[in-house]
All heavy atoms as atom14 arrays in JSON, in Angstrom:
{
  "sequence": "DGMTFHEVAAALGISIGLAHRLVREAMTHCAARLDRP",
  "atom14_mask": [
    [1, 1, 1, 1, 1, 1, 1, 1, 0, 0, 0, 0, 0, 0],
    [1, 1, 1, 1, 0, 0, 0, 0, 0, 0, 0, 0, 0, 0],
    [1, 1, 1, 1, 1, 1, 1, 1, 0, 0, 0, 0, 0, 0],
    [1, 1, 1, 1, 1, 1, 1, 0, 0, 0, 0, 0, 0, 0],
    [1, 1, 1, 1, 1, 1, 1, 1, 1, 1, 1, 0, 0, 0],
    [1, 1, 1, 1, 1, 1, 1, 1, 1, 1, 0, 0, 0, 0],
    [1, 1, 1, 1, 1, 1, 1, 1, 1, 0, 0, 0, 0, 0],
    [1, 1, 1, 1, 1, 1, 1, 0, 0, 0, 0, 0, 0, 0],
    [1, 1, 1, 1, 1, 0, 0, 0, 0, 0, 0, 0, 0, 0],
    [1, 1, 1, 1, 1, 0, 0, 0, 0, 0, 0, 0, 0, 0],
    [1, 1, 1, 1, 1, 0, 0, 0, 0, 0, 0, 0, 0, 0],
    [1, 1, 1, 1, 1, 1, 1, 1, 0, 0, 0, 0, 0, 0],
    [1, 1, 1, 1, 0, 0, 0, 0, 0, 0, 0, 0, 0, 0],
    [1, 1, 1, 1, 1, 1, 1, 1, 0, 0, 0, 0, 0, 0],
    [1, 1, 1, 1, 1, 1, 0, 0, 0, 0, 0, 0, 0, 0],
    [1, 1, 1, 1, 1, 1, 1, 1, 0, 0, 0, 0, 0, 0],
    [1, 1, 1, 1, 0, 0, 0, 0, 0, 0, 0, 0, 0, 0],
    [1, 1, 1, 1, 1, 1, 1, 1, 0, 0, 0, 0, 0, 0],
    [1, 1, 1, 1, 1, 0, 0, 0, 0, 0, 0, 0, 0, 0],
    [1, 1, 1, 1, 1, 1, 1, 1, 1, 1, 0, 0, 0, 0],
    [1, 1, 1, 1, 1, 1, 1, 1, 1, 1, 1, 0, 0, 0],
    [1, 1, 1, 1, 1, 1, 1, 1, 0, 0, 0, 0, 0, 0],
    [1, 1, 1, 1, 1, 1, 1, 0, 0, 0, 0, 0, 0, 0],
    [1, 1, 1, 1, 1, 1, 1, 1, 1, 1, 1, 0, 0, 0],
    [1, 1, 1, 1, 1, 1, 1, 1, 1, 0, 0, 0, 0, 0],
    [1, 1, 1, 1, 1, 0, 0, 0, 0, 0, 0, 0, 0, 0],
    [1, 1, 1, 1, 1, 1, 1, 1, 0, 0, 0, 0, 0, 0],
    [1, 1, 1, 1, 1, 1, 1, 0, 0, 0, 0, 0, 0, 0],
    [1, 1, 1, 1, 1, 1, 1, 1, 1, 1, 0, 0, 0, 0],
    [1, 1, 1, 1, 1, 1, 0, 0, 0, 0, 0, 0, 0, 0],
    [1, 1, 1, 1, 1, 0, 0, 0, 0, 0, 0, 0, 0, 0],
    [1, 1, 1, 1, 1, 0, 0, 0, 0, 0, 0, 0, 0, 0],
    [1, 1, 1, 1, 1, 1, 1, 1, 1, 1, 1, 0, 0, 0],
    [1, 1, 1, 1, 1, 1, 1, 1, 0, 0, 0, 0, 0, 0],
    [1, 1, 1, 1, 1, 1, 1, 1, 0, 0, 0, 0, 0, 0],
    [1, 1, 1, 1, 1, 1, 1, 1, 1, 1, 1, 0, 0, 0],
    [1, 1, 1, 1, 1, 1, 1, 0, 0, 0, 0, 0, 0, 0]
  ],
  "atom14_positions": [
    [[65.6, -32.8, 170.6], [66.21, -32.08, 169.46], [67.69, -31.79, 169.69], [68.38, -31.32, 168.8], [65.46, -30.75, 169.24], [64.01, -30.98, 168.82], [63.69, -32.07, 168.33], [63.19, -30.05, 169.02], [0.0, 0.0, 0.0], [0.0, 0.0, 0.0], [0.0, 0.0, 0.0], [0.0, 0.0, 0.0], [0.0, 0.0, 0.0], [0.0, 0.0, 0.0]],
    [[68.19, -32.03, 170.93], [69.62, -31.89, 171.2], [70.06, -30.43, 171.32], [71.22, -30.12, 171.18], [0.0, 0.0, 0.0], [0.0, 0.0, 0.0], [0.0, 0.0, 0.0], [0.0, 0.0, 0.0], [0.0, 0.0, 0.0], [0.0, 0.0, 0.0], [0.0, 0.0, 0.0], [0.0, 0.0, 0.0], [0.0, 0.0, 0.0], [0.0, 0.0, 0.0]],
    [[69.11, -29.51, 171.57], [69.47, -28.12, 171.74], [70.11, -27.91, 173.1], [69.89, -28.65, 174.05], [68.22, -27.23, 171.61], [67.58, -27.3, 170.23], [65.98, -26.44, 170.14], [66.49, -24.75, 170.21], [0.0, 0.0, 0.0], [0.0, 0.0, 0.0], [0.0, 0.0, 0.0], [0.0, 0.0, 0.0], [0.0, 0.0, 0.0], [0.0, 0.0, 0.0]],
    [[70.94, -26.87, 173.22], [71.55, -26.51, 174.49], [70.55, -25.69, 175.3], [69.53, -25.2, 174.75], [72.81, -25.65, 174.28], [72.43, -24.38, 173.68], [73.83, -26.33, 173.41], [0.0, 0.0, 0.0], [0.0, 0.0, 0.0], [0.0, 0.0, 0.0], [0.0, 0.0, 0.0], [0.0, 0.0, 0.0], [0.0, 0.0, 0.0], [0.0, 0.0, 0.0]],
    [[70.81, -25.52, 176.58], [69.94, -24.68, 177.4], [69.9, -23.24, 176.86], [68.87, -22.59, 176.88], [70.35, -24.69, 178.85], [69.99, -25.93, 179.59], [70.95, -26.77, 180.12], [68.66, -26.33, 179.73], [70.6, -27.93, 180.79], [68.3, -27.49, 180.4], [69.29, -28.28, 180.93], [0.0, 0.0, 0.0], [0.0, 0.0, 0.0], [0.0, 0.0, 0.0]],
    [[71.02, -22.77, 176.37], [71.09, -21.45, 175.82], [70.18, -21.33, 174.57], [69.44, -20.37, 174.44], [72.54, -21.12, 175.42], [72.73, -19.71, 174.99], [72.61, -19.32, 173.66], [73.01, -18.57, 175.65], [72.8, -18.02, 173.56], [73.03, -17.54, 174.78], [0.0, 0.0, 0.0], [0.0, 0.0, 0.0], [0.0, 0.0, 0.0], [0.0, 0.0, 0.0]],
    [[70.19, -22.34, 173.7], [69.36, -22.35, 172.53], [67.87, -22.46, 172.9], [67.01, -21.78, 172.28], [69.74, -23.49, 171.61], [71.12, -23.33, 170.99], [71.63, -24.58, 170.29], [71.27, -25.7, 170.74], [72.4, -24.44, 169.32], [0.0, 0.0, 0.0], [0.0, 0.0, 0.0], [0.0, 0.0, 0.0], [0.0, 0.0, 0.0], [0.0, 0.0, 0.0]],
    [[67.55, -23.31, 173.89], [66.17, -23.43, 174.32], [65.67, -22.1, 174.88], [64.58, -21.64, 174.54], [66.04, -24.54, 175.42], [64.67, -24.53, 176.05], [66.35, -25.91, 174.83], [0.0, 0.0, 0.0], [0.0, 0.0, 0.0], [0.0, 0.0, 0.0], [0.0, 0.0, 0.0], [0.0, 0.0, 0.0], [0.0, 0.0, 0.0], [0.0, 0.0, 0.0]],
    [[66.52, -21.48, 175.71], [66.14, -20.19, 176.3], [65.87, -19.15, 175.23], [64.87, -18.43, 175.29], [67.24, -19.72, 177.26], [0.0, 0.0, 0.0], [0.0, 0.0, 0.0], [0.0, 0.0, 0.0], [0.0, 0.0, 0.0], [0.0, 0.0, 0.0], [0.0, 0.0, 0.0], [0.0, 0.0, 0.0], [0.0, 0.0, 0.0], [0.0, 0.0, 0.0]],
    [[66.74, -19.08, 174.25], [66.58, -18.11, 173.16], [65.31, -18.38, 172.37], [64.57, -17.46, 172.04], [67.81, -18.13, 172.26], [0.0, 0.0, 0.0], [0.0, 0.0, 0.0], [0.0, 0.0, 0.0], [0.0, 0.0, 0.0], [0.0, 0.0, 0.0], [0.0, 0.0, 0.0], [0.0, 0.0, 0.0], [0.0, 0.0, 0.0], [0.0, 0.0, 0.0]],
    [[65.05, -19.64, 172.1], [63.87, -20.01, 171.3], [62.57, -19.69, 172.01], [61.59, -19.32, 171.37], [63.92, -21.48, 170.93], [0.0, 0.0, 0.0], [0.0, 0.0, 0.0], [0.0, 0.0, 0.0], [0.0, 0.0, 0.0], [0.0, 0.0, 0.0], [0.0, 0.0, 0.0], [0.0, 0.0, 0.0], [0.0, 0.0, 0.0], [0.0, 0.0, 0.0]],
    [[62.59, -19.84, 173.34], [61.37, -19.6, 174.12], [61.31, -18.19, 174.7], [60.29, -17.82, 175.33], [61.26, -20.65, 175.24], [61.07, -22.09, 174.81], [61.06, -23.03, 176.01], [59.81, -22.26, 173.99], [0.0, 0.0, 0.0], [0.0, 0.0, 0.0], [0.0, 0.0, 0.0], [0.0, 0.0, 0.0], [0.0, 0.0, 0.0], [0.0, 0.0, 0.0]],
    [[62.38, -17.4, 174.57], [62.39, -16.06, 175.11], [62.45, -16.03, 176.63], [61.77, -15.21, 177.25], [0.0, 0.0, 0.0], [0.0, 0.0, 0.0], [0.0, 0.0, 0.0], [0.0, 0.0, 0.0], [0.0, 0.0, 0.0], [0.0, 0.0, 0.0], [0.0, 0.0, 0.0], [0.0, 0.0, 0.0], [0.0, 0.0, 0.0], [0.0, 0.0, 0.0]],
    [[63.2, -16.99, 177.23], [63.29, -17.1, 178.68], [64.76, -17.12, 179.08], [65.63, -17.2, 178.21], [62.54, -18.34, 179.2], [63.16, -19.63, 178.56], [61.07, -18.27, 178.93], [62.58, -20.93, 179.1], [0.0, 0.0, 0.0], [0.0, 0.0, 0.0], [0.0, 0.0, 0.0], [0.0, 0.0, 0.0], [0.0, 0.0, 0.0], [0.0, 0.0, 0.0]],
    [[65.02, -17.07, 180.39], [66.38, -17.13, 180.88], [66.91, -18.57, 180.74], [66.13, -19.5, 180.71], [66.47, -16.67, 182.29], [65.87, -17.57, 183.16], [0.0, 0.0, 0.0], [0.0, 0.0, 0.0], [0.0, 0.0, 0.0], [0.0, 0.0, 0.0], [0.0, 0.0, 0.0], [0.0, 0.0, 0.0], [0.0, 0.0, 0.0], [0.0, 0.0, 0.0]],
    [[68.23, -18.71, 180.78], [68.85, -20.01, 180.73], [68.47, -20.8, 181.99], [68.15, -22.0, 181.93], [70.37, -19.93, 180.58], [70.69, -19.27, 179.24], [71.04, -21.28, 180.72], [72.14, -18.88, 179.05], [0.0, 0.0, 0.0], [0.0, 0.0, 0.0], [0.0, 0.0, 0.0], [0.0, 0.0, 0.0], [0.0, 0.0, 0.0], [0.0, 0.0, 0.0]],
    [[68.42, -20.12, 183.13], [68.06, -20.77, 184.39], [66.64, -21.32, 184.32], [66.37, -22.42, 184.81], [0.0, 0.0, 0.0], [0.0, 0.0, 0.0], [0.0, 0.0, 0.0], [0.0, 0.0, 0.0], [0.0, 0.0, 0.0], [0.0, 0.0, 0.0], [0.0, 0.0, 0.0], [0.0, 0.0, 0.0], [0.0, 0.0, 0.0], [0.0, 0.0, 0.0]],
    [[65.71, -20.55, 183.76], [64.34, -21.04, 183.63], [64.25, -22.22, 182.68], [63.54, -23.19, 182.91], [63.4, -19.92, 183.19], [61.94, -20.28, 183.03], [61.38, -20.92, 184.3], [61.12, -19.04, 182.62], [0.0, 0.0, 0.0], [0.0, 0.0, 0.0], [0.0, 0.0, 0.0], [0.0, 0.0, 0.0], [0.0, 0.0, 0.0], [0.0, 0.0, 0.0]],
    [[65.01, -22.16, 181.61], [65.05, -23.27, 180.65], [65.49, -24.55, 181.39], [64.91, -25.62, 181.21], [65.96, -22.98, 179.48], [0.0, 0.0, 0.0], [0.0, 0.0, 0.0], [0.0, 0.0, 0.0], [0.0, 0.0, 0.0], [0.0, 0.0, 0.0], [0.0, 0.0, 0.0], [0.0, 0.0, 0.0], [0.0, 0.0, 0.0], [0.0, 0.0, 0.0]],
    [[66.49, -24.42, 182.19], [67.03, -25.57, 182.96], [65.96, -26.08, 183.89], [65.72, -27.28, 184.02], [68.28, -25.14, 183.72], [68.97, -26.25, 184.4], [68.68, -26.7, 185.67], [69.92, -27.13, 183.98], [69.39, -27.7, 186.02], [70.19, -28.0, 184.98], [0.0, 0.0, 0.0], [0.0, 0.0, 0.0], [0.0, 0.0, 0.0], [0.0, 0.0, 0.0]],
    [[65.26, -25.16, 184.6], [64.24, -25.54, 185.58], [63.08, -26.26, 184.88], [62.58, -27.29, 185.37], [63.71, -24.34, 186.3], [62.85, -24.73, 187.5], [62.29, -23.53, 188.21], [60.93, -23.35, 187.69], [60.3, -22.22, 187.54], [60.9, -21.1, 187.87], [59.1, -22.16, 187.07], [0.0, 0.0, 0.0], [0.0, 0.0, 0.0], [0.0, 0.0, 0.0]],
    [[62.66, -25.79, 183.7], [61.57, -26.4, 182.99], [61.89, -27.84, 182.55], [61.09, -28.75, 182.7], [61.17, -25.57, 181.76], [60.58, -24.2, 182.05], [60.37, -23.44, 180.77], [59.29, -24.3, 182.85], [0.0, 0.0, 0.0], [0.0, 0.0, 0.0], [0.0, 0.0, 0.0], [0.0, 0.0, 0.0], [0.0, 0.0, 0.0], [0.0, 0.0, 0.0]],
    [[63.12, -28.02, 182.05], [63.54, -29.36, 181.65], [63.62, -30.29, 182.88], [63.14, -31.43, 182.83], [64.91, -29.32, 180.93], [65.46, -30.71, 180.7], [64.76, -28.55, 179.59], [0.0, 0.0, 0.0], [0.0, 0.0, 0.0], [0.0, 0.0, 0.0], [0.0, 0.0, 0.0], [0.0, 0.0, 0.0], [0.0, 0.0, 0.0], [0.0, 0.0, 0.0]],
    [[64.15, -29.79, 183.98], [64.24, -30.59, 185.18], [62.84, -30.98, 185.69], [62.63, -32.12, 186.06], [65.01, -29.83, 186.28], [65.23, -30.65, 187.55], [66.04, -29.92, 188.59], [65.24, -28.82, 189.12], [65.61, -27.52, 189.07], [66.75, -27.2, 188.51], [64.85, -26.56, 189.54], [0.0, 0.0, 0.0], [0.0, 0.0, 0.0], [0.0, 0.0, 0.0]],
    [[61.9, -30.02, 185.67], [60.53, -30.31, 186.07], [59.89, -31.39, 185.2], [59.21, -32.28, 185.71], [59.69, -29.02, 186.06], [60.0, -28.08, 187.14], [59.24, -26.77, 187.0], [58.45, -26.59, 186.07], [59.49, -25.88, 187.86], [0.0, 0.0, 0.0], [0.0, 0.0, 0.0], [0.0, 0.0, 0.0], [0.0, 0.0, 0.0], [0.0, 0.0, 0.0]],
    [[60.14, -31.3, 183.91], [59.59, -32.29, 183.0], [60.18, -33.68, 183.27], [59.44, -34.66, 183.29], [59.83, -31.89, 181.54], [0.0, 0.0, 0.0], [0.0, 0.0, 0.0], [0.0, 0.0, 0.0], [0.0, 0.0, 0.0], [0.0, 0.0, 0.0], [0.0, 0.0, 0.0], [0.0, 0.0, 0.0], [0.0, 0.0, 0.0], [0.0, 0.0, 0.0]],
    [[61.47, -33.72, 183.49], [62.14, -34.98, 183.76], [61.63, -35.6, 185.08], [61.37, -36.82, 185.15], [63.62, -34.82, 183.73], [64.19, -34.52, 182.35], [65.96, -34.26, 182.31], [66.53, -35.89, 182.71], [0.0, 0.0, 0.0], [0.0, 0.0, 0.0], [0.0, 0.0, 0.0], [0.0, 0.0, 0.0], [0.0, 0.0, 0.0], [0.0, 0.0, 0.0]],
    [[61.47, -34.76, 186.08], [60.97, -35.22, 187.36], [59.57, -35.75, 187.25], [59.23, -36.79, 187.81], [61.04, -34.06, 188.39], [62.41, -33.65, 188.52], [60.52, -34.52, 189.76], [0.0, 0.0, 0.0], [0.0, 0.0, 0.0], [0.0, 0.0, 0.0], [0.0, 0.0, 0.0], [0.0, 0.0, 0.0], [0.0, 0.0, 0.0], [0.0, 0.0, 0.0]],
    [[58.75, -35.05, 186.48], [57.34, -35.47, 186.28], [57.3, -36.79, 185.55], [56.56, -37.73, 185.98], [56.62, -34.4, 185.46], [55.18, -34.74, 185.22], [54.22, -34.7, 186.19], [54.54, -35.14, 184.09], [53.04, -35.07, 185.69], [53.22, -35.33, 184.4], [0.0, 0.0, 0.0], [0.0, 0.0, 0.0], [0.0, 0.0, 0.0], [0.0, 0.0, 0.0]],
    [[58.08, -36.98, 184.52], [58.11, -38.22, 183.76], [58.6, -39.37, 184.66], [58.04, -40.47, 184.65], [58.99, -38.12, 182.52], [58.26, -37.1, 181.22], [0.0, 0.0, 0.0], [0.0, 0.0, 0.0], [0.0, 0.0, 0.0], [0.0, 0.0, 0.0], [0.0, 0.0, 0.0], [0.0, 0.0, 0.0], [0.0, 0.0, 0.0], [0.0, 0.0, 0.0]],
    [[59.64, -39.12, 185.44], [60.17, -40.15, 186.34], [59.14, -40.58, 187.37], [58.97, -41.76, 187.65], [61.42, -39.66, 187.03], [0.0, 0.0, 0.0], [0.0, 0.0, 0.0], [0.0, 0.0, 0.0], [0.0, 0.0, 0.0], [0.0, 0.0, 0.0], [0.0, 0.0, 0.0], [0.0, 0.0, 0.0], [0.0, 0.0, 0.0], [0.0, 0.0, 0.0]],
    [[58.38, -39.61, 187.89], [57.33, -39.92, 188.87], [56.25, -40.74, 188.24], [55.72, -41.7, 188.85], [56.76, -38.63, 189.44], [0.0, 0.0, 0.0], [0.0, 0.0, 0.0], [0.0, 0.0, 0.0], [0.0, 0.0, 0.0], [0.0, 0.0, 0.0], [0.0, 0.0, 0.0], [0.0, 0.0, 0.0], [0.0, 0.0, 0.0], [0.0, 0.0, 0.0]],
    [[55.89, -40.44, 187.03], [54.84, -41.22, 186.32], [55.34, -42.65, 186.06], [54.55, -43.58, 186.13], [54.47, -40.54, 185.0], [53.59, -39.35, 185.13], [52.19, -39.71, 185.63], [51.63, -40.78, 184.82], [50.85, -40.63, 183.79], [50.44, -39.44, 183.44], [50.4, -41.67, 183.12], [0.0, 0.0, 0.0], [0.0, 0.0, 0.0], [0.0, 0.0, 0.0]],
    [[56.58, -42.83, 185.78], [57.12, -44.16, 185.53], [57.15, -45.0, 186.81], [57.11, -46.23, 186.76], [58.52, -44.09, 184.93], [58.54, -43.64, 183.48], [59.99, -43.34, 183.05], [57.92, -44.66, 182.55], [0.0, 0.0, 0.0], [0.0, 0.0, 0.0], [0.0, 0.0, 0.0], [0.0, 0.0, 0.0], [0.0, 0.0, 0.0], [0.0, 0.0, 0.0]],
    [[57.19, -44.34, 187.96], [57.24, -45.02, 189.25], [55.85, -45.43, 189.75], [55.72, -46.22, 190.68], [57.9, -44.17, 190.31], [59.4, -44.14, 190.19], [59.97, -45.05, 189.52], [60.05, -43.24, 190.73], [0.0, 0.0, 0.0], [0.0, 0.0, 0.0], [0.0, 0.0, 0.0], [0.0, 0.0, 0.0], [0.0, 0.0, 0.0], [0.0, 0.0, 0.0]],
    [[54.79, -44.87, 189.15], [53.41, -45.2, 189.55], [53.01, -46.56, 189.09], [53.41, -47.0, 187.99], [52.42, -44.2, 188.93], [52.37, -42.89, 189.55], [51.19, -42.14, 188.91], [51.39, -40.74, 189.09], [50.71, -39.8, 188.47], [49.76, -40.12, 187.6], [50.9, -38.52, 188.68], [0.0, 0.0, 0.0], [0.0, 0.0, 0.0], [0.0, 0.0, 0.0]],
    [[52.2, -47.27, 189.91], [51.67, -48.54, 189.38], [50.7, -48.27, 188.26], [50.06, -47.23, 188.25], [50.94, -49.14, 190.61], [50.86, -48.06, 191.62], [51.81, -46.96, 191.24], [0.0, 0.0, 0.0], [0.0, 0.0, 0.0], [0.0, 0.0, 0.0], [0.0, 0.0, 0.0], [0.0, 0.0, 0.0], [0.0, 0.0, 0.0], [0.0, 0.0, 0.0]]
  ]
}
C-alpha cells in the first residue's frame, strides 16, 4: 500500500520501531521461504 512506518504504526496502534520490526520479520520470512527447495 506504500504507507510509511509512521502510518503503519498509527493504523495498528503500535510504535514505529515495532512497525519496522514486523515488516522486517515478514520480509525475512518470505526470503527464507523463497530459499527453500
